[in-house]
Every structure is written in structure tokens, then in C-alpha cells.
Amino acid sequence: MARPQMLKLPEVLTEISMSRAAFYRMRARGQGPRLVKLPNGQLRVRRTDLDAWLTECETTAA
């Protein structure tokens, strides 16, 4: 079984066209895709979590 793709935060920000500051403000409001904190402190987002979050955003906007 293949491991899920983990995206670095800059990759996520590029994909959703958002600044780091705006992303963290959104996260402070309890919104945004689920983050995974690695043992070394780096943050990752699973591709499946990002896709699910984007789909939820589309549904909310409709």
C-alpha cells in the first residue's frame, strides 16, 4: 500500500494562492486543512486532507 502524499506548507500555500500570514489567520479561526506536525517540528498536509478541505470549500460556496 502506498503511503499518502505529504505536502510541505509552501506547496500548500502555492496551490491555494494564499500567504503564510493569511493561512495562519484562517487556522486561528478553526478553518483550513488538517496539519500534521512531524517530530522535527515541520508541518505537512496530507494530499487527501487538502483535497477534502477544498471540496468542502466549494460546497460551502455553492
C-alpha atoms as a PDB file:
ATOM      1  CA  MET A   1       0.000   0.000   0.000  1.00  0.00           C
ATOM      2  CA  ALA A   2       1.362   3.405  -0.967  1.00  0.00           C
ATOM      3  CA  ARG A   3       1.923   5.994   1.724  1.00  0.00           C
ATOM      4  CA  PRO A   4      -0.208   9.160   1.479  1.00  0.00           C
ATOM      5  CA  GLN A   5       1.488  12.119  -0.135  1.00  0.00           C
ATOM      6  CA  MET A   6       2.538  14.734   2.409  1.00  0.00           C
ATOM      7  CA  LEU A   7       2.794  18.317   1.151  1.00  0.00           C
ATOM      8  CA  LYS A   8       5.077  20.941   2.662  1.00  0.00           C
ATOM      9  CA  LEU A   9       3.383  24.145   3.784  1.00  0.00           C
ATOM     10  CA  PRO A  10       4.908  26.264   0.962  1.00  0.00           C
ATOM     11  CA  GLU A  11       3.489  23.766  -1.564  1.00  0.00           C
ATOM     12  CA  VAL A  12       0.042  24.079   0.004  1.00  0.00           C
ATOM     13  CA  LEU A  13       0.237  27.878   0.049  1.00  0.00           C
ATOM     14  CA  THR A  14       1.199  27.949  -3.624  1.00  0.00           C
ATOM     15  CA  GLU A  15      -1.638  25.610  -4.554  1.00  0.00           C
ATOM     16  CA  ILE A  16      -4.296  27.628  -2.717  1.00  0.00           C
ATOM     17  CA  SER A  17      -2.722  31.014  -3.630  1.00  0.00           C
ATOM     18  CA  MET A  18      -2.559  32.235  -0.054  1.00  0.00           C
ATOM     19  CA  SER A  19       0.111  33.961   2.010  1.00  0.00           C
ATOM     20  CA  ARG A  20       1.514  32.274   5.092  1.00  0.00           C
ATOM     21  CA  ALA A  21       0.051  35.018   7.328  1.00  0.00           C
ATOM     22  CA  ALA A  22      -3.440  34.631   5.826  1.00  0.00           C
ATOM     23  CA  PHE A  23      -3.201  30.849   6.198  1.00  0.00           C
ATOM     24  CA  TYR A  24      -2.343  31.117   9.895  1.00  0.00           C
ATOM     25  CA  ARG A  25      -5.158  33.649  10.476  1.00  0.00           C
ATOM     26  CA  MET A  26      -7.564  31.203   8.870  1.00  0.00           C
ATOM     27  CA  ARG A  27      -6.192  28.370  11.041  1.00  0.00           C
ATOM     28  CA  ALA A  28      -6.624  30.546  14.159  1.00  0.00           C
ATOM     29  CA  ARG A  29     -10.342  30.791  13.266  1.00  0.00           C
ATOM     30  CA  GLY A  30     -10.521  26.983  13.186  1.00  0.00           C
ATOM     31  CA  GLN A  31     -10.580  26.739   9.407  1.00  0.00           C
ATOM     32  CA  GLY A  32      -8.248  25.195   6.875  1.00  0.00           C
ATOM     33  CA  PRO A  33      -6.919  21.733   6.133  1.00  0.00           C
ATOM     34  CA  ARG A  34      -5.651  19.471   8.905  1.00  0.00           C
ATOM     35  CA  LEU A  35      -1.938  19.884   9.652  1.00  0.00           C
ATOM     36  CA  VAL A  36       0.439  17.127  10.685  1.00  0.00           C
ATOM     37  CA  LYS A  37       3.380  18.167  12.858  1.00  0.00           C
ATOM     38  CA  LEU A  38       6.420  15.971  12.329  1.00  0.00           C
ATOM     39  CA  PRO A  39       8.830  15.082  15.171  1.00  0.00           C
ATOM     40  CA  ASN A  40      11.304  17.657  13.810  1.00  0.00           C
ATOM     41  CA  GLY A  41       8.647  20.408  14.112  1.00  0.00           C
ATOM     42  CA  GLN A  42       7.945  20.754  10.401  1.00  0.00           C
ATOM     43  CA  LEU A  43       4.337  20.924   9.216  1.00  0.00           C
ATOM     44  CA  ARG A  44       2.796  18.809   6.489  1.00  0.00           C
ATOM     45  CA  VAL A  45      -0.650  18.466   4.942  1.00  0.00           C
ATOM     46  CA  ARG A  46      -1.822  15.162   3.546  1.00  0.00           C
ATOM     47  CA  ARG A  47      -2.944  15.439  -0.081  1.00  0.00           C
ATOM     48  CA  THR A  48      -6.230  13.743   0.829  1.00  0.00           C
ATOM     49  CA  ASP A  49      -6.899  16.270   3.641  1.00  0.00           C
ATOM     50  CA  LEU A  50      -6.196  19.216   1.330  1.00  0.00           C
ATOM     51  CA  ASP A  51      -8.436  17.816  -1.418  1.00  0.00           C
ATOM     52  CA  ALA A  52     -11.256  17.153   1.084  1.00  0.00           C
ATOM     53  CA  TRP A  53     -10.953  20.674   2.504  1.00  0.00           C
ATOM     54  CA  LEU A  54     -11.029  22.228  -0.978  1.00  0.00           C
ATOM     55  CA  THR A  55     -14.124  20.193  -1.863  1.00  0.00           C
ATOM     56  CA  GLU A  56     -15.789  21.374   1.362  1.00  0.00           C
ATOM     57  CA  CYS A  57     -14.982  24.982   0.430  1.00  0.00           C
ATOM     58  CA  GLU A  58     -16.599  24.512  -2.983  1.00  0.00           C
ATOM     59  CA  THR A  59     -19.719  23.018  -1.399  1.00  0.00           C
ATOM     60  CA  THR A  60     -19.957  25.866   1.117  1.00  0.00           C
ATOM     61  CA  ALA A  61     -19.625  28.500  -1.610  1.00  0.00           C
ATOM     62  CA  ALA A  62     -22.338  27.000  -3.801  1.00  0.00           C
END
